[in-house]
Amino acid sequence: MEKIAAPTRPKNDFNYETDCRAALAPLVDGLLDMAEQAGWDRRKAAYTLMFLSAQRVGTGQEERK
């Protein structure tokens, strides 16, 4: 798996989220490509990633290391 670039700005910086998107986008694209190659519908796989992400944040797992 590719290494994710570390943040270079504080969490409260206006561009923090933009930088995070740029760091994660290639990994998400790769994961969706892999799901599609395995036969999964790309749109359904993207929806499922959103669901799983929201589920993990909602249960407090975002603080795990």
C-alpha atoms as a PDB file:
ATOM      1  CA  MET A   1       0.000   0.000   0.000  1.00  0.00           C
ATOM      2  CA  GLU A   2       1.177   3.502  -0.806  1.00  0.00           C
ATOM      3  CA  LYS A   3       2.402   5.764   1.946  1.00  0.00           C
ATOM      4  CA  ILE A   4       0.074   8.648   2.796  1.00  0.00           C
ATOM      5  CA  ALA A   5       1.660  12.094   2.969  1.00  0.00           C
ATOM      6  CA  ALA A   6       1.667  13.560   6.464  1.00  0.00           C
ATOM      7  CA  PRO A   7      -0.165  16.827   7.093  1.00  0.00           C
ATOM      8  CA  THR A   8       1.912  19.968   6.784  1.00  0.00           C
ATOM      9  CA  ARG A   9      -0.684  22.346   8.257  1.00  0.00           C
ATOM     10  CA  PRO A  10      -2.533  22.472  11.579  1.00  0.00           C
ATOM     11  CA  LYS A  11      -6.045  20.943  11.734  1.00  0.00           C
ATOM     12  CA  ASN A  12      -7.652  24.373  11.951  1.00  0.00           C
ATOM     13  CA  ASP A  13      -5.952  25.667   8.776  1.00  0.00           C
ATOM     14  CA  PHE A  14      -8.353  26.467   5.930  1.00  0.00           C
ATOM     15  CA  ASN A  15      -6.421  24.207   3.498  1.00  0.00           C
ATOM     16  CA  TYR A  16      -6.009  21.225   5.838  1.00  0.00           C
ATOM     17  CA  GLU A  17      -8.989  19.351   4.360  1.00  0.00           C
ATOM     18  CA  THR A  18      -7.904  20.138   0.793  1.00  0.00           C
ATOM     19  CA  ASP A  19      -4.467  18.688   1.522  1.00  0.00           C
ATOM     20  CA  CYS A  20      -6.075  15.618   3.092  1.00  0.00           C
ATOM     21  CA  ARG A  21      -8.200  15.067  -0.019  1.00  0.00           C
ATOM     22  CA  ALA A  22      -5.117  15.328  -2.220  1.00  0.00           C
ATOM     23  CA  ALA A  23      -3.274  12.799  -0.058  1.00  0.00           C
ATOM     24  CA  LEU A  24      -6.129  10.274   0.025  1.00  0.00           C
ATOM     25  CA  ALA A  25      -7.501  10.617  -3.531  1.00  0.00           C
ATOM     26  CA  PRO A  26      -4.941   8.337  -5.235  1.00  0.00           C
ATOM     27  CA  LEU A  27      -5.535   5.625  -2.626  1.00  0.00           C
ATOM     28  CA  VAL A  28      -9.307   5.842  -2.977  1.00  0.00           C
ATOM     29  CA  ASP A  29      -8.990   5.758  -6.774  1.00  0.00           C
ATOM     30  CA  GLY A  30      -6.798   2.669  -6.511  1.00  0.00           C
ATOM     31  CA  LEU A  31      -9.206   0.939  -4.150  1.00  0.00           C
ATOM     32  CA  LEU A  32     -12.156   1.691  -6.438  1.00  0.00           C
ATOM     33  CA  ASP A  33     -10.162   0.419  -9.429  1.00  0.00           C
ATOM     34  CA  MET A  34      -9.422  -2.811  -7.551  1.00  0.00           C
ATOM     35  CA  ALA A  35     -13.072  -3.246  -6.569  1.00  0.00           C
ATOM     36  CA  GLU A  36     -14.184  -2.661 -10.153  1.00  0.00           C
ATOM     37  CA  GLN A  37     -11.610  -5.118 -11.508  1.00  0.00           C
ATOM     38  CA  ALA A  38     -12.942  -7.699  -9.060  1.00  0.00           C
ATOM     39  CA  GLY A  39     -16.409  -7.237 -10.551  1.00  0.00           C
ATOM     40  CA  TRP A  40     -17.973  -4.726  -8.139  1.00  0.00           C
ATOM     41  CA  ASP A  41     -19.933  -1.758  -9.464  1.00  0.00           C
ATOM     42  CA  ARG A  42     -17.719   1.319  -9.004  1.00  0.00           C
ATOM     43  CA  ARG A  43     -20.563   3.581  -7.818  1.00  0.00           C
ATOM     44  CA  LYS A  44     -21.770   0.989  -5.290  1.00  0.00           C
ATOM     45  CA  ALA A  45     -18.201   0.497  -4.063  1.00  0.00           C
ATOM     46  CA  ALA A  46     -17.805   4.278  -3.596  1.00  0.00           C
ATOM     47  CA  TYR A  47     -21.074   4.408  -1.664  1.00  0.00           C
ATOM     48  CA  THR A  48     -19.902   1.519   0.505  1.00  0.00           C
ATOM     49  CA  LEU A  49     -16.621   3.306   1.273  1.00  0.00           C
ATOM     50  CA  MET A  50     -18.589   6.382   2.366  1.00  0.00           C
ATOM     51  CA  PHE A  51     -20.807   4.206   4.554  1.00  0.00           C
ATOM     52  CA  LEU A  52     -17.868   2.391   6.147  1.00  0.00           C
ATOM     53  CA  SER A  53     -16.021   5.661   6.783  1.00  0.00           C
ATOM     54  CA  ALA A  54     -19.052   7.281   8.412  1.00  0.00           C
ATOM     55  CA  GLN A  55     -19.680   4.158  10.472  1.00  0.00           C
ATOM     56  CA  ARG A  56     -16.146   4.148  11.822  1.00  0.00           C
ATOM     57  CA  VAL A  57     -16.194   7.840  12.721  1.00  0.00           C
ATOM     58  CA  GLY A  58     -19.604   7.447  14.329  1.00  0.00           C
ATOM     59  CA  THR A  59     -18.382   4.697  16.647  1.00  0.00           C
ATOM     60  CA  GLY A  60     -15.343   6.607  17.880  1.00  0.00           C
ATOM     61  CA  GLN A  61     -12.843   4.507  15.932  1.00  0.00           C
ATOM     62  CA  GLU A  62     -11.368   7.672  14.389  1.00  0.00           C
ATOM     63  CA  GLU A  63      -9.167   8.064  17.458  1.00  0.00           C
ATOM     64  CA  ARG A  64      -7.498   4.667  17.142  1.00  0.00           C
ATOM     65  CA  LYS A  65      -3.853   4.451  16.182  1.00  0.00           C
END
